[in-house]
Amino acid sequence: MSRICELTGKGRQVGHNVSHANNKTKRVFLPNLQNVTLMSEKLDRSFRFRVSTHGLRSVEHNGGLDNWLLKAGDEALSTRALKVKRELKKAVTAAA
């Protein structure tokens, strides 16, 4: 499983370890991913995602999973998140 956030698309970054003698060696910065269960209020279901802590804070800031998915662009979302987004759009249009 790749180290990419399913909601924000945040992935690994590369950089350098810099020693006291200013020697540089390559290193990788990995996102802080957590397995979380997020509840969709409109679908009345819960979904498991692998989300970075930054992404989890963003979801909470936007008022939950439903609002986040409706505002998020499709290019950053994983295939599972896109599937939930399509399901959510159907439920919203059916309710309106």
C-alpha atoms as a PDB file:
ATOM      1  CA  MET A   1       0.000   0.000   0.000  1.00  0.00           C
ATOM      2  CA  SER A   2       1.451   3.344  -0.997  1.00  0.00           C
ATOM      3  CA  ARG A   3       2.052   6.106   1.525  1.00  0.00           C
ATOM      4  CA  ILE A   4      -0.490   8.567   0.074  1.00  0.00           C
ATOM      5  CA  CYS A   5      -3.408  10.235   1.827  1.00  0.00           C
ATOM      6  CA  GLU A   6      -6.682   9.082   0.257  1.00  0.00           C
ATOM      7  CA  LEU A   7      -8.428  12.433   0.702  1.00  0.00           C
ATOM      8  CA  THR A   8      -5.760  15.065   0.057  1.00  0.00           C
ATOM      9  CA  GLY A   9      -3.291  13.174  -2.151  1.00  0.00           C
ATOM     10  CA  LYS A  10      -0.430  14.160   0.155  1.00  0.00           C
ATOM     11  CA  GLY A  11       2.504  11.822  -0.453  1.00  0.00           C
ATOM     12  CA  ARG A  12       6.176  11.441   0.312  1.00  0.00           C
ATOM     13  CA  GLN A  13       8.680  14.228  -0.168  1.00  0.00           C
ATOM     14  CA  VAL A  14      12.416  13.951  -0.708  1.00  0.00           C
ATOM     15  CA  GLY A  15      15.150  16.059   0.820  1.00  0.00           C
ATOM     16  CA  HIS A  16      18.550  15.844   2.446  1.00  0.00           C
ATOM     17  CA  ASN A  17      20.018  14.945   5.795  1.00  0.00           C
ATOM     18  CA  VAL A  18      22.598  17.647   6.420  1.00  0.00           C
ATOM     19  CA  SER A  19      25.468  16.808   8.738  1.00  0.00           C
ATOM     20  CA  HIS A  20      27.506  19.199  10.837  1.00  0.00           C
ATOM     21  CA  ALA A  21      30.163  19.094   8.114  1.00  0.00           C
ATOM     22  CA  ASN A  22      27.429  20.074   5.597  1.00  0.00           C
ATOM     23  CA  ASN A  23      27.463  16.657   3.897  1.00  0.00           C
ATOM     24  CA  LYS A  24      24.121  15.974   2.238  1.00  0.00           C
ATOM     25  CA  THR A  25      22.553  12.539   1.903  1.00  0.00           C
ATOM     26  CA  LYS A  26      19.148  11.788   0.388  1.00  0.00           C
ATOM     27  CA  ARG A  27      16.239  11.035   2.679  1.00  0.00           C
ATOM     28  CA  VAL A  28      12.469  10.652   2.473  1.00  0.00           C
ATOM     29  CA  PHE A  29       9.831  12.525   4.460  1.00  0.00           C
ATOM     30  CA  LEU A  30       6.696  10.378   4.838  1.00  0.00           C
ATOM     31  CA  PRO A  31       3.255  11.778   5.700  1.00  0.00           C
ATOM     32  CA  ASN A  32       1.749  10.880   9.058  1.00  0.00           C
ATOM     33  CA  LEU A  33      -0.974   8.486   7.857  1.00  0.00           C
ATOM     34  CA  GLN A  34      -3.657   7.120  10.147  1.00  0.00           C
ATOM     35  CA  ASN A  35      -6.376   4.551   9.535  1.00  0.00           C
ATOM     36  CA  VAL A  36      -9.612   6.333  10.432  1.00  0.00           C
ATOM     37  CA  THR A  37     -13.321   5.666  10.164  1.00  0.00           C
ATOM     38  CA  LEU A  38     -15.234   8.714   9.006  1.00  0.00           C
ATOM     39  CA  MET A  39     -19.016   8.954   9.225  1.00  0.00           C
ATOM     40  CA  SER A  40     -21.111  10.251   6.339  1.00  0.00           C
ATOM     41  CA  GLU A  41     -24.223  11.929   7.711  1.00  0.00           C
ATOM     42  CA  LYS A  42     -26.130  12.050   4.423  1.00  0.00           C
ATOM     43  CA  LEU A  43     -25.411   8.402   3.534  1.00  0.00           C
ATOM     44  CA  ASP A  44     -25.765   7.287   7.176  1.00  0.00           C
ATOM     45  CA  ARG A  45     -22.711   5.040   6.783  1.00  0.00           C
ATOM     46  CA  SER A  46     -19.118   5.000   7.923  1.00  0.00           C
ATOM     47  CA  PHE A  47     -16.097   4.648   5.645  1.00  0.00           C
ATOM     48  CA  ARG A  48     -12.526   3.609   6.428  1.00  0.00           C
ATOM     49  CA  PHE A  49      -9.775   5.725   4.900  1.00  0.00           C
ATOM     50  CA  ARG A  50      -6.028   6.059   5.257  1.00  0.00           C
ATOM     51  CA  VAL A  51      -5.702   9.783   5.898  1.00  0.00           C
ATOM     52  CA  SER A  52      -2.867  12.092   6.880  1.00  0.00           C
ATOM     53  CA  THR A  53      -3.312  14.016  10.103  1.00  0.00           C
ATOM     54  CA  HIS A  54      -3.289  17.230   8.062  1.00  0.00           C
ATOM     55  CA  GLY A  55      -6.120  15.830   5.916  1.00  0.00           C
ATOM     56  CA  LEU A  56      -8.080  14.777   8.981  1.00  0.00           C
ATOM     57  CA  ARG A  57      -7.871  18.301  10.395  1.00  0.00           C
ATOM     58  CA  SER A  58      -9.026  19.687   7.047  1.00  0.00           C
ATOM     59  CA  VAL A  59     -12.032  17.362   7.000  1.00  0.00           C
ATOM     60  CA  GLU A  60     -13.013  18.437  10.514  1.00  0.00           C
ATOM     61  CA  HIS A  61     -12.502  22.114   9.617  1.00  0.00           C
ATOM     62  CA  ASN A  62     -14.878  21.785   6.639  1.00  0.00           C
ATOM     63  CA  GLY A  63     -17.624  20.254   8.742  1.00  0.00           C
ATOM     64  CA  GLY A  64     -17.215  16.539   8.129  1.00  0.00           C
ATOM     65  CA  LEU A  65     -16.662  14.023   5.358  1.00  0.00           C
ATOM     66  CA  ASP A  66     -19.696  15.022   3.285  1.00  0.00           C
ATOM     67  CA  ASN A  67     -18.722  18.680   2.983  1.00  0.00           C
ATOM     68  CA  TRP A  68     -15.082  17.792   2.326  1.00  0.00           C
ATOM     69  CA  LEU A  69     -15.878  15.388  -0.524  1.00  0.00           C
ATOM     70  CA  LEU A  70     -18.302  17.787  -2.198  1.00  0.00           C
ATOM     71  CA  LYS A  71     -15.696  20.592  -2.148  1.00  0.00           C
ATOM     72  CA  ALA A  72     -12.618  18.496  -3.021  1.00  0.00           C
ATOM     73  CA  GLY A  73     -11.279  18.169  -6.548  1.00  0.00           C
ATOM     74  CA  ASP A  74     -11.304  14.721  -8.150  1.00  0.00           C
ATOM     75  CA  GLU A  75      -7.570  14.656  -8.972  1.00  0.00           C
ATOM     76  CA  ALA A  76      -6.469  14.444  -5.324  1.00  0.00           C
ATOM     77  CA  LEU A  77      -8.974  11.797  -4.220  1.00  0.00           C
ATOM     78  CA  SER A  78      -8.318   8.052  -4.314  1.00  0.00           C
ATOM     79  CA  THR A  79     -10.577   5.706  -6.272  1.00  0.00           C
ATOM     80  CA  ARG A  80     -12.392   4.648  -3.087  1.00  0.00           C
ATOM     81  CA  ALA A  81     -12.974   8.278  -2.110  1.00  0.00           C
ATOM     82  CA  LEU A  82     -14.248   9.053  -5.631  1.00  0.00           C
ATOM     83  CA  LYS A  83     -16.704   6.186  -5.329  1.00  0.00           C
ATOM     84  CA  VAL A  84     -18.023   7.619  -2.050  1.00  0.00           C
ATOM     85  CA  LYS A  85     -18.208  11.083  -3.632  1.00  0.00           C
ATOM     86  CA  ARG A  86     -20.318   9.792  -6.537  1.00  0.00           C
ATOM     87  CA  GLU A  87     -22.610   7.987  -4.079  1.00  0.00           C
ATOM     88  CA  LEU A  88     -22.916  11.176  -2.042  1.00  0.00           C
ATOM     89  CA  LYS A  89     -23.774  13.299  -5.089  1.00  0.00           C
ATOM     90  CA  LYS A  90     -26.549  10.853  -6.012  1.00  0.00           C
ATOM     91  CA  ALA A  91     -27.982  11.041  -2.503  1.00  0.00           C
ATOM     92  CA  VAL A  92     -27.859  14.850  -2.476  1.00  0.00           C
ATOM     93  CA  THR A  93     -29.572  15.199  -5.869  1.00  0.00           C
ATOM     94  CA  ALA A  94     -32.215  12.608  -4.909  1.00  0.00           C
ATOM     95  CA  ALA A  95     -32.976  14.500  -1.702  1.00  0.00           C
ATOM     96  CA  ALA A  96     -33.315  17.844  -3.506  1.00  0.00           C
END
